[in-house]
Amino acid sequence: MFDAAPMPSGVLIRELDLSDALVASAVHAVGLRAYAVEAELICFDGIPALSETLQEMTARPLRWLGAVTGEGTVAAFVAWRTDTGQHITRIDRVCADLPGSAGALPPACWTICWPRWPAQAK
């Protein structure tokens, strides 16, 4: 178990409405950047979301929750679906912009998802 770091000032956790084209585009871009990093780390570029179009992503029956800065930038998100008949929730994806990558946010925003990231990994 770990203690969560405090939320960076100005960052809100809120539901994301992917019917809003700007929000959907931002989420798609964050996902592509995050999955590109993952693909490099695991030496495998066949992650399905890397080739998923914006239209394919928004067509999925998912709920979206995001960390959004005061300027409206999507810093991180989680998407899931719930099968109410079986009482099962399936996490579909969790992504965050990494410091140092294209369009990345300041390191303080990264603490939203990895509050106790080991110092040697930074």
Protein backbone atom coordinates (compact mmCIF):
# COMPACT_ATOMS: atom_id res chain seq x y z
CA MET A 1 0.00 0.00 0.00
CA PHE A 2 1.17 3.54 -0.65
CA ASP A 3 0.13 7.02 0.31
CA ALA A 4 -1.27 9.02 -2.57
CA ALA A 5 0.47 12.29 -3.35
CA PRO A 6 -1.68 15.40 -3.13
CA MET A 7 -3.48 16.41 -6.30
CA PRO A 8 -1.49 19.04 -8.19
CA SER A 9 -3.04 22.49 -7.88
CA GLY A 10 -5.58 23.19 -10.60
CA VAL A 11 -6.02 19.56 -11.71
CA LEU A 12 -9.52 18.15 -11.51
CA ILE A 13 -10.73 14.57 -11.87
CA ARG A 14 -13.89 14.55 -13.95
CA GLU A 15 -15.89 12.51 -16.40
CA LEU A 16 -14.76 12.99 -19.98
CA ASP A 17 -17.38 13.47 -22.70
CA LEU A 18 -15.98 11.92 -25.85
CA SER A 19 -18.92 13.19 -27.90
CA ASP A 20 -17.06 16.54 -27.64
CA ALA A 21 -14.63 16.42 -30.58
CA LEU A 22 -11.93 18.43 -28.79
CA VAL A 23 -12.03 16.18 -25.73
CA ALA A 24 -12.02 13.03 -27.86
CA SER A 25 -9.08 14.28 -29.91
CA ALA A 26 -7.11 15.14 -26.75
CA VAL A 27 -7.82 11.72 -25.20
CA HIS A 28 -6.80 9.98 -28.42
CA ALA A 29 -3.53 11.94 -28.57
CA VAL A 30 -2.68 11.18 -24.92
CA GLY A 31 -3.41 7.51 -25.54
CA LEU A 32 -1.23 7.35 -28.64
CA ARG A 33 1.69 8.97 -26.79
CA ALA A 34 1.29 6.71 -23.77
CA TYR A 35 1.01 3.53 -25.83
CA ALA A 36 4.04 4.54 -27.91
CA VAL A 37 6.07 4.75 -24.69
CA GLU A 38 4.72 1.38 -23.55
CA ALA A 39 5.51 -0.18 -26.94
CA GLU A 40 9.09 1.04 -26.68
CA LEU A 41 9.45 -0.26 -23.12
CA ILE A 42 8.16 -3.74 -23.96
CA CYS A 43 9.72 -3.85 -27.44
CA PHE A 44 6.37 -4.60 -29.06
CA ASP A 45 4.57 -2.22 -31.40
CA GLY A 46 1.48 -4.38 -31.89
CA ILE A 47 -0.56 -2.79 -29.10
CA PRO A 48 -4.05 -2.52 -30.63
CA ALA A 49 -4.67 1.04 -29.40
CA LEU A 50 -1.64 2.27 -31.38
CA SER A 51 -3.51 1.68 -34.62
CA GLU A 52 -6.95 2.61 -33.31
CA THR A 53 -8.52 5.57 -35.09
CA LEU A 54 -10.29 8.37 -33.28
CA GLN A 55 -13.59 7.08 -34.66
CA GLU A 56 -12.89 3.53 -33.45
CA MET A 57 -11.97 4.79 -29.99
CA THR A 58 -15.07 6.94 -29.60
CA ALA A 59 -17.32 4.13 -30.85
CA ARG A 60 -16.29 1.85 -27.98
CA PRO A 61 -18.94 1.53 -25.23
CA LEU A 62 -16.68 2.91 -22.48
CA ARG A 63 -16.97 5.39 -19.64
CA TRP A 64 -14.11 7.85 -19.32
CA LEU A 65 -12.67 9.63 -16.29
CA GLY A 66 -9.79 12.05 -16.65
CA ALA A 67 -7.36 14.29 -14.84
CA VAL A 68 -7.77 17.70 -16.47
CA THR A 69 -5.65 20.79 -15.81
CA GLY A 70 -7.07 24.23 -15.17
CA GLU A 71 -6.24 25.05 -18.79
CA GLY A 72 -8.39 22.13 -19.95
CA THR A 73 -5.52 19.82 -20.92
CA VAL A 74 -6.24 16.11 -20.46
CA ALA A 75 -3.30 14.89 -18.35
CA ALA A 76 -4.43 11.30 -17.77
CA PHE A 77 -7.47 9.07 -18.12
CA VAL A 78 -9.00 5.73 -17.34
CA ALA A 79 -11.70 4.05 -19.43
CA TRP A 80 -13.89 1.14 -18.42
CA ARG A 81 -17.11 -0.71 -19.10
CA THR A 82 -19.43 -2.40 -16.67
CA ASP A 83 -21.45 -5.52 -17.35
CA THR A 84 -24.31 -4.86 -14.96
CA GLY A 85 -25.80 -8.31 -15.52
CA GLN A 86 -22.65 -9.98 -14.20
CA HIS A 87 -21.64 -7.13 -11.86
CA ILE A 88 -18.22 -6.96 -13.50
CA THR A 89 -16.26 -3.82 -14.35
CA ARG A 90 -13.47 -4.20 -16.89
CA ILE A 91 -10.74 -1.58 -17.08
CA ASP A 92 -10.06 -1.06 -20.77
CA ARG A 93 -7.19 1.45 -20.62
CA VAL A 94 -5.27 3.75 -18.29
CA CYS A 95 -3.03 6.38 -19.86
CA ALA A 96 -1.09 9.46 -18.80
CA ASP A 97 1.15 11.95 -20.53
CA LEU A 98 4.74 11.36 -19.49
CA PRO A 99 7.14 14.18 -18.63
CA GLY A 100 9.52 14.76 -21.51
CA SER A 101 7.24 13.35 -24.21
CA ALA A 102 5.49 15.42 -26.85
CA GLY A 103 2.81 17.53 -25.25
CA ALA A 104 3.79 16.35 -21.78
CA LEU A 105 2.75 18.11 -18.63
CA PRO A 106 4.96 19.22 -15.73
CA PRO A 107 6.15 16.41 -13.43
CA ALA A 108 3.65 17.53 -10.76
CA CYS A 109 0.80 16.34 -13.00
CA TRP A 110 2.44 12.95 -13.42
CA THR A 111 1.99 12.34 -9.68
CA ILE A 112 -1.71 11.91 -10.32
CA CYS A 113 -1.11 8.41 -11.65
CA TRP A 114 2.22 7.41 -10.12
CA PRO A 115 2.49 9.23 -6.79
CA ARG A 116 5.34 7.08 -5.52
CA TRP A 117 7.25 6.46 -8.75
CA PRO A 118 10.70 5.18 -7.68
CA ALA A 119 13.36 7.89 -7.77
CA GLN A 120 15.69 5.68 -9.82
CA ALA A 121 13.04 5.44 -12.59
CA LYS A 122 12.66 9.22 -12.98
